[in-house]
Amino acid sequence: MSADCIFCKIVRGEIPSKKVYEDEEIFAFHDINPLAQVHFMIVPKQHIPSLAEADLSHQAVLGRILAKAGELARAQGATDGFRTLINTGRVGQQEVYHLHVHILGGPDPLGPMLVRKK
């Protein structure tokens, strides 16, 4: 873990969060500025700066995140589908450089993922 990473501090319990789930490899918690009725993040406990830095040594934890996403989304109220989003790097508008998967959903449709340029 990184000493100054906000998500590492959340995983360690140094910063409070509204926890959704935790096991030995991953931690899920609600986003503090939700963009949908259901909006939480799943992070690996291991500090991986972004998806661009992930490699085959991370495949088990990445698979665990995706395999757990549906169960957690349904438990949080996204029973009719949800969106998974991984912002990566500057162009992807990643704000916290600790790999995290946003899970967004709820009873109302989310709208388009991106607005097409004409």
C-alpha atoms as a PDB file:
ATOM      1  CA  MET A   1       0.000   0.000   0.000  1.00  0.00           C
ATOM      2  CA  SER A   2       1.007   3.577  -0.521  1.00  0.00           C
ATOM      3  CA  ALA A   3       1.431   5.811   2.531  1.00  0.00           C
ATOM      4  CA  ASP A   4      -0.157   8.898   0.949  1.00  0.00           C
ATOM      5  CA  CYS A   5      -2.845   7.328  -1.287  1.00  0.00           C
ATOM      6  CA  ILE A   6      -6.372   8.247  -0.155  1.00  0.00           C
ATOM      7  CA  PHE A   7      -7.802   4.855  -1.183  1.00  0.00           C
ATOM      8  CA  CYS A   8      -5.006   3.014   0.654  1.00  0.00           C
ATOM      9  CA  LYS A   9      -5.901   5.099   3.727  1.00  0.00           C
ATOM     10  CA  ILE A  10      -9.572   4.130   3.328  1.00  0.00           C
ATOM     11  CA  VAL A  11      -8.633   0.439   3.026  1.00  0.00           C
ATOM     12  CA  ARG A  12      -6.490   0.719   6.185  1.00  0.00           C
ATOM     13  CA  GLY A  13      -9.355   2.425   8.049  1.00  0.00           C
ATOM     14  CA  GLU A  14      -7.470   5.707   8.493  1.00  0.00           C
ATOM     15  CA  ILE A  15     -10.193   7.576   6.583  1.00  0.00           C
ATOM     16  CA  PRO A  16     -13.810   6.620   7.265  1.00  0.00           C
ATOM     17  CA  SER A  17     -15.935   5.219   4.468  1.00  0.00           C
ATOM     18  CA  LYS A  18     -19.349   3.669   4.030  1.00  0.00           C
ATOM     19  CA  LYS A  19     -18.157   0.120   3.421  1.00  0.00           C
ATOM     20  CA  VAL A  20     -20.057  -2.135   1.026  1.00  0.00           C
ATOM     21  CA  TYR A  21     -17.784  -5.192   1.161  1.00  0.00           C
ATOM     22  CA  GLU A  22     -14.334  -6.334   2.190  1.00  0.00           C
ATOM     23  CA  ASP A  23     -12.307  -9.512   1.854  1.00  0.00           C
ATOM     24  CA  GLU A  24      -8.597 -10.300   1.866  1.00  0.00           C
ATOM     25  CA  GLU A  25      -7.984  -8.785  -1.593  1.00  0.00           C
ATOM     26  CA  ILE A  26     -10.635  -6.151  -2.321  1.00  0.00           C
ATOM     27  CA  PHE A  27     -12.547  -3.352  -0.611  1.00  0.00           C
ATOM     28  CA  ALA A  28     -15.795  -1.754  -1.799  1.00  0.00           C
ATOM     29  CA  PHE A  29     -17.218   1.527  -0.538  1.00  0.00           C
ATOM     30  CA  HIS A  30     -19.766   4.163  -1.493  1.00  0.00           C
ATOM     31  CA  ASP A  31     -18.626   7.141  -3.554  1.00  0.00           C
ATOM     32  CA  ILE A  32     -18.724  10.369  -1.524  1.00  0.00           C
ATOM     33  CA  ASN A  33     -20.146  12.258  -4.538  1.00  0.00           C
ATOM     34  CA  PRO A  34     -22.536   9.738  -6.101  1.00  0.00           C
ATOM     35  CA  LEU A  35     -23.552  10.208  -9.721  1.00  0.00           C
ATOM     36  CA  ALA A  36     -26.369   7.640  -9.597  1.00  0.00           C
ATOM     37  CA  GLN A  37     -28.726   6.170  -7.010  1.00  0.00           C
ATOM     38  CA  VAL A  38     -26.256   3.303  -6.641  1.00  0.00           C
ATOM     39  CA  HIS A  39     -22.629   4.420  -6.870  1.00  0.00           C
ATOM     40  CA  PHE A  40     -19.822   2.629  -5.139  1.00  0.00           C
ATOM     41  CA  MET A  41     -16.269   1.660  -5.953  1.00  0.00           C
ATOM     42  CA  ILE A  42     -14.366  -1.579  -5.718  1.00  0.00           C
ATOM     43  CA  VAL A  43     -10.610  -1.293  -5.217  1.00  0.00           C
ATOM     44  CA  PRO A  44      -7.826  -3.822  -4.847  1.00  0.00           C
ATOM     45  CA  LYS A  45      -6.222  -3.600  -1.423  1.00  0.00           C
ATOM     46  CA  GLN A  46      -2.873  -3.766  -3.196  1.00  0.00           C
ATOM     47  CA  HIS A  47      -1.875  -0.331  -4.501  1.00  0.00           C
ATOM     48  CA  ILE A  48      -2.040  -0.428  -8.302  1.00  0.00           C
ATOM     49  CA  PRO A  49      -1.877   3.146  -9.655  1.00  0.00           C
ATOM     50  CA  SER A  50      -4.136   2.575 -12.680  1.00  0.00           C
ATOM     51  CA  LEU A  51      -5.322  -0.017 -15.157  1.00  0.00           C
ATOM     52  CA  ALA A  52      -2.446   1.070 -17.405  1.00  0.00           C
ATOM     53  CA  GLU A  53       0.013  -0.220 -14.775  1.00  0.00           C
ATOM     54  CA  ALA A  54      -1.818  -3.511 -14.217  1.00  0.00           C
ATOM     55  CA  ASP A  55      -0.207  -6.640 -15.652  1.00  0.00           C
ATOM     56  CA  LEU A  56      -0.714 -10.387 -15.583  1.00  0.00           C
ATOM     57  CA  SER A  57       0.427 -10.549 -11.965  1.00  0.00           C
ATOM     58  CA  HIS A  58      -2.793  -8.657 -11.116  1.00  0.00           C
ATOM     59  CA  GLN A  59      -5.200 -10.861 -13.070  1.00  0.00           C
ATOM     60  CA  ALA A  60      -6.586 -12.692 -10.013  1.00  0.00           C
ATOM     61  CA  VAL A  61      -7.544  -9.514  -8.139  1.00  0.00           C
ATOM     62  CA  LEU A  62      -8.932  -7.872 -11.283  1.00  0.00           C
ATOM     63  CA  GLY A  63     -11.003 -10.968 -11.957  1.00  0.00           C
ATOM     64  CA  ARG A  64     -12.194 -10.998  -8.344  1.00  0.00           C
ATOM     65  CA  ILE A  65     -13.340  -7.362  -8.643  1.00  0.00           C
ATOM     66  CA  LEU A  66     -15.367  -8.075 -11.777  1.00  0.00           C
ATOM     67  CA  ALA A  67     -16.719 -11.382 -10.469  1.00  0.00           C
ATOM     68  CA  LYS A  68     -17.966  -9.690  -7.279  1.00  0.00           C
ATOM     69  CA  ALA A  69     -19.422  -6.617  -9.027  1.00  0.00           C
ATOM     70  CA  GLY A  70     -22.787  -8.136  -9.958  1.00  0.00           C
ATOM     71  CA  GLU A  71     -23.516  -9.525  -6.508  1.00  0.00           C
ATOM     72  CA  LEU A  72     -22.603  -6.247  -4.809  1.00  0.00           C
ATOM     73  CA  ALA A  73     -24.515  -4.129  -7.346  1.00  0.00           C
ATOM     74  CA  ARG A  74     -27.685  -6.181  -6.848  1.00  0.00           C
ATOM     75  CA  ALA A  75     -27.299  -6.013  -3.065  1.00  0.00           C
ATOM     76  CA  GLN A  76     -27.064  -2.209  -3.292  1.00  0.00           C
ATOM     77  CA  GLY A  77     -30.248  -1.936  -5.397  1.00  0.00           C
ATOM     78  CA  ALA A  78     -29.025  -2.123  -8.994  1.00  0.00           C
ATOM     79  CA  THR A  79     -31.272  -5.096  -9.752  1.00  0.00           C
ATOM     80  CA  ASP A  80     -31.945  -4.304 -13.412  1.00  0.00           C
ATOM     81  CA  GLY A  81     -28.397  -3.670 -14.578  1.00  0.00           C
ATOM     82  CA  PHE A  82     -25.500  -1.397 -13.802  1.00  0.00           C
ATOM     83  CA  ARG A  83     -22.488   0.256 -15.389  1.00  0.00           C
ATOM     84  CA  THR A  84     -18.873  -0.506 -14.570  1.00  0.00           C
ATOM     85  CA  LEU A  85     -16.405   2.266 -15.230  1.00  0.00           C
ATOM     86  CA  ILE A  86     -12.626   2.389 -14.879  1.00  0.00           C
ATOM     87  CA  ASN A  87     -11.125   5.818 -15.510  1.00  0.00           C
ATOM     88  CA  THR A  88      -7.483   5.442 -16.498  1.00  0.00           C
ATOM     89  CA  GLY A  89      -4.883   8.193 -16.642  1.00  0.00           C
ATOM     90  CA  ARG A  90      -5.228  11.856 -17.524  1.00  0.00           C
ATOM     91  CA  VAL A  91      -7.236  11.363 -20.725  1.00  0.00           C
ATOM     92  CA  GLY A  92      -9.549   8.924 -18.924  1.00  0.00           C
ATOM     93  CA  GLN A  93     -10.018  11.576 -16.200  1.00  0.00           C
ATOM     94  CA  GLN A  94      -8.716   9.397 -13.397  1.00  0.00           C
ATOM     95  CA  GLU A  95      -8.786  11.490 -10.225  1.00  0.00           C
ATOM     96  CA  VAL A  96      -7.308   9.092  -7.665  1.00  0.00           C
ATOM     97  CA  TYR A  97      -4.297   7.099  -8.805  1.00  0.00           C
ATOM     98  CA  HIS A  98      -5.279   3.826  -7.180  1.00  0.00           C
ATOM     99  CA  LEU A  99      -7.095   1.531  -9.595  1.00  0.00           C
ATOM    100  CA  HIS A 100     -10.822   1.592  -8.839  1.00  0.00           C
ATOM    101  CA  VAL A 101     -13.937   0.311 -10.550  1.00  0.00           C
ATOM    102  CA  HIS A 102     -17.031   2.486 -10.279  1.00  0.00           C
ATOM    103  CA  ILE A 103     -20.333   0.607 -10.094  1.00  0.00           C
ATOM    104  CA  LEU A 104     -23.273   2.812 -11.058  1.00  0.00           C
ATOM    105  CA  GLY A 105     -26.936   1.890 -11.288  1.00  0.00           C
ATOM    106  CA  GLY A 106     -30.314   2.016  -9.667  1.00  0.00           C
ATOM    107  CA  PRO A 107     -33.901   1.844 -10.840  1.00  0.00           C
ATOM    108  CA  ASP A 108     -33.568   4.680 -13.362  1.00  0.00           C
ATOM    109  CA  PRO A 109     -31.643   4.384 -16.664  1.00  0.00           C
ATOM    110  CA  LEU A 110     -28.224   6.040 -16.558  1.00  0.00           C
ATOM    111  CA  GLY A 111     -28.303   7.642 -19.988  1.00  0.00           C
ATOM    112  CA  PRO A 112     -25.557   7.508 -22.594  1.00  0.00           C
ATOM    113  CA  MET A 113     -22.045   6.675 -21.501  1.00  0.00           C
ATOM    114  CA  LEU A 114     -20.522   9.443 -23.625  1.00  0.00           C
ATOM    115  CA  VAL A 115     -22.055  12.148 -25.752  1.00  0.00           C
ATOM    116  CA  ARG A 116     -21.135  11.698 -29.396  1.00  0.00           C
ATOM    117  CA  LYS A 117     -19.469  14.662 -31.070  1.00  0.00           C
ATOM    118  CA  LYS A 118     -21.244  15.729 -34.235  1.00  0.00           C
END
